[in-house]
Amino acid sequence: MFREWKQEGPTSAAQARAMAEDFMTVVGYGDEKQREAVLLVVSELVTNALRHARGVTAFRLSHDAQGLTVSVLDADDRPPQAQPLDPGRPGGFGMHLVRSLTGGVEVLRRPGGKSVRATVPNAYVGSL
């Protein structure tokens, strides 16, 4: 199953999390750990687009046999940069967190920007 928001896409991480909660309920996705992992991925990817990439141009969620995929499209073609881990600095952990929850992030350049995509596997059993 697949859902996409374009013009009415999220303008905040909280709004994107609410959209993801609704989608996961509709598709019957995951246990509590899986759902929490998806919500963290949504928060981090949307926050990055809002802070560093001139906003979200589209937001997509899809669910298949592999897991739940979060895609955030924005209007900046620069790939996201993971910051060096520094416990003394606030923030900068987002991309590291997304990679640990999903196993990887895919960045696809497209006309007018990029898509940042990550999949939380159906078999996710990690700790948050």
Protein backbone atom coordinates (compact mmCIF):
# COMPACT_ATOMS: atom_id res chain seq x y z
CA MET A 1 0.00 0.00 0.00
CA PHE A 2 1.17 3.50 -0.80
CA ARG A 3 0.18 7.04 0.21
CA GLU A 4 1.58 10.36 -1.02
CA TRP A 5 1.02 13.93 0.08
CA LYS A 6 2.17 16.75 -2.21
CA GLN A 7 0.79 20.30 -1.84
CA GLU A 8 -0.84 19.35 1.45
CA GLY A 9 2.37 17.69 2.68
CA PRO A 10 3.62 18.14 6.21
CA THR A 11 4.83 21.52 7.40
CA SER A 12 6.12 20.11 10.69
CA ALA A 13 7.55 16.86 12.02
CA ALA A 14 4.53 16.53 14.33
CA GLN A 15 2.15 16.71 11.37
CA ALA A 16 4.20 14.11 9.47
CA ARG A 17 4.17 11.77 12.49
CA ALA A 18 0.37 12.07 12.68
CA MET A 19 0.12 11.20 8.97
CA ALA A 20 2.40 8.20 9.54
CA GLU A 21 0.35 7.05 12.56
CA ASP A 22 -2.81 7.12 10.45
CA PHE A 23 -1.11 5.24 7.60
CA MET A 24 0.28 2.54 9.94
CA THR A 25 -3.18 2.05 11.45
CA VAL A 26 -4.77 1.67 8.01
CA VAL A 27 -2.19 -0.91 6.84
CA GLY A 28 -2.01 -2.68 10.22
CA TYR A 29 1.73 -2.08 10.42
CA GLY A 30 3.96 -3.41 13.12
CA ASP A 31 4.25 -3.74 16.82
CA GLU A 32 5.06 -0.87 19.17
CA LYS A 33 8.83 -1.00 18.51
CA GLN A 34 8.35 -0.98 14.74
CA ARG A 35 5.89 1.90 14.93
CA GLU A 36 8.23 3.92 17.17
CA ALA A 37 11.10 3.30 14.74
CA VAL A 38 8.99 4.56 11.82
CA LEU A 39 7.97 7.67 13.75
CA LEU A 40 11.60 8.47 14.57
CA VAL A 41 12.59 8.06 10.92
CA VAL A 42 9.70 10.30 9.82
CA SER A 43 10.67 12.95 12.39
CA GLU A 44 14.32 13.00 11.40
CA LEU A 45 13.82 13.03 7.63
CA VAL A 46 11.10 15.68 7.70
CA THR A 47 13.01 17.85 10.19
CA ASN A 48 16.11 17.68 7.98
CA ALA A 49 14.10 18.77 4.93
CA LEU A 50 12.50 21.64 6.84
CA ARG A 51 15.76 22.87 8.38
CA HIS A 52 18.30 22.23 5.65
CA ALA A 53 16.52 21.78 2.33
CA ARG A 54 13.91 24.52 1.87
CA GLY A 55 10.98 22.41 3.03
CA VAL A 56 9.10 19.27 2.05
CA THR A 57 7.71 19.13 -1.49
CA ALA A 58 6.18 15.66 -1.09
CA PHE A 59 5.92 13.00 1.60
CA ARG A 60 5.38 9.32 0.77
CA LEU A 61 4.75 6.24 2.85
CA SER A 62 4.58 2.73 1.42
CA HIS A 63 4.26 -0.69 2.97
CA ASP A 64 5.19 -4.00 1.37
CA ALA A 65 6.70 -7.37 2.30
CA GLN A 66 10.06 -5.75 3.15
CA GLY A 67 8.81 -3.06 5.51
CA LEU A 68 7.53 0.48 5.73
CA THR A 69 9.32 3.01 3.53
CA VAL A 70 9.44 6.71 4.31
CA SER A 71 10.29 9.07 1.43
CA VAL A 72 10.73 12.81 1.87
CA LEU A 73 11.14 14.95 -1.24
CA ASP A 74 12.52 18.47 -1.10
CA ALA A 75 13.68 21.27 -3.40
CA ASP A 76 17.41 21.06 -2.63
CA ASP A 77 19.59 18.67 -4.63
CA ARG A 78 22.40 18.56 -2.03
CA PRO A 79 22.51 15.19 -0.23
CA PRO A 80 22.02 15.19 3.55
CA GLN A 81 25.28 15.26 5.49
CA ALA A 82 25.66 13.20 8.65
CA GLN A 83 27.42 15.30 11.27
CA PRO A 84 30.34 13.84 13.22
CA LEU A 85 29.02 12.37 16.45
CA ASP A 86 29.70 14.79 19.31
CA PRO A 87 27.92 14.11 22.62
CA GLY A 88 28.80 17.64 23.74
CA ARG A 89 26.84 19.25 20.90
CA PRO A 90 23.05 19.36 20.76
CA GLY A 91 21.59 17.78 17.64
CA GLY A 92 23.43 16.26 14.72
CA PHE A 93 22.38 12.67 15.47
CA GLY A 94 19.49 12.41 13.00
CA MET A 95 21.06 10.68 10.02
CA HIS A 96 23.01 8.33 12.30
CA LEU A 97 19.75 7.40 14.03
CA VAL A 98 17.93 6.85 10.73
CA ARG A 99 20.73 4.60 9.45
CA SER A 100 20.72 2.55 12.67
CA LEU A 101 16.95 2.01 12.46
CA THR A 102 16.80 1.23 8.75
CA GLY A 103 20.19 -0.10 7.71
CA GLY A 104 20.63 2.67 5.17
CA VAL A 105 19.36 5.80 3.51
CA GLU A 106 18.86 6.17 -0.24
CA VAL A 107 19.20 9.63 -1.76
CA LEU A 108 17.92 10.08 -5.31
CA ARG A 109 18.46 13.31 -7.19
CA ARG A 110 15.45 14.33 -9.23
CA PRO A 111 14.54 17.43 -11.25
CA GLY A 112 14.24 20.31 -8.80
CA GLY A 113 15.58 18.51 -5.73
CA LYS A 114 15.97 15.09 -4.21
CA SER A 115 14.20 12.22 -2.50
CA VAL A 116 15.54 10.82 0.76
CA ARG A 117 14.20 7.32 1.42
CA ALA A 118 14.61 4.79 4.21
CA THR A 119 12.80 1.54 5.05
CA VAL A 120 12.11 0.20 8.53
CA PRO A 121 12.12 -3.57 7.97
CA ASN A 122 9.09 -5.65 8.95
CA ALA A 123 11.50 -7.78 10.96
CA TYR A 124 12.81 -4.77 12.94
CA VAL A 125 13.64 -5.91 16.47
CA GLY A 126 16.17 -3.25 17.49
CA SER A 127 16.04 -1.21 20.63
CA LEU A 128 15.20 2.48 20.67
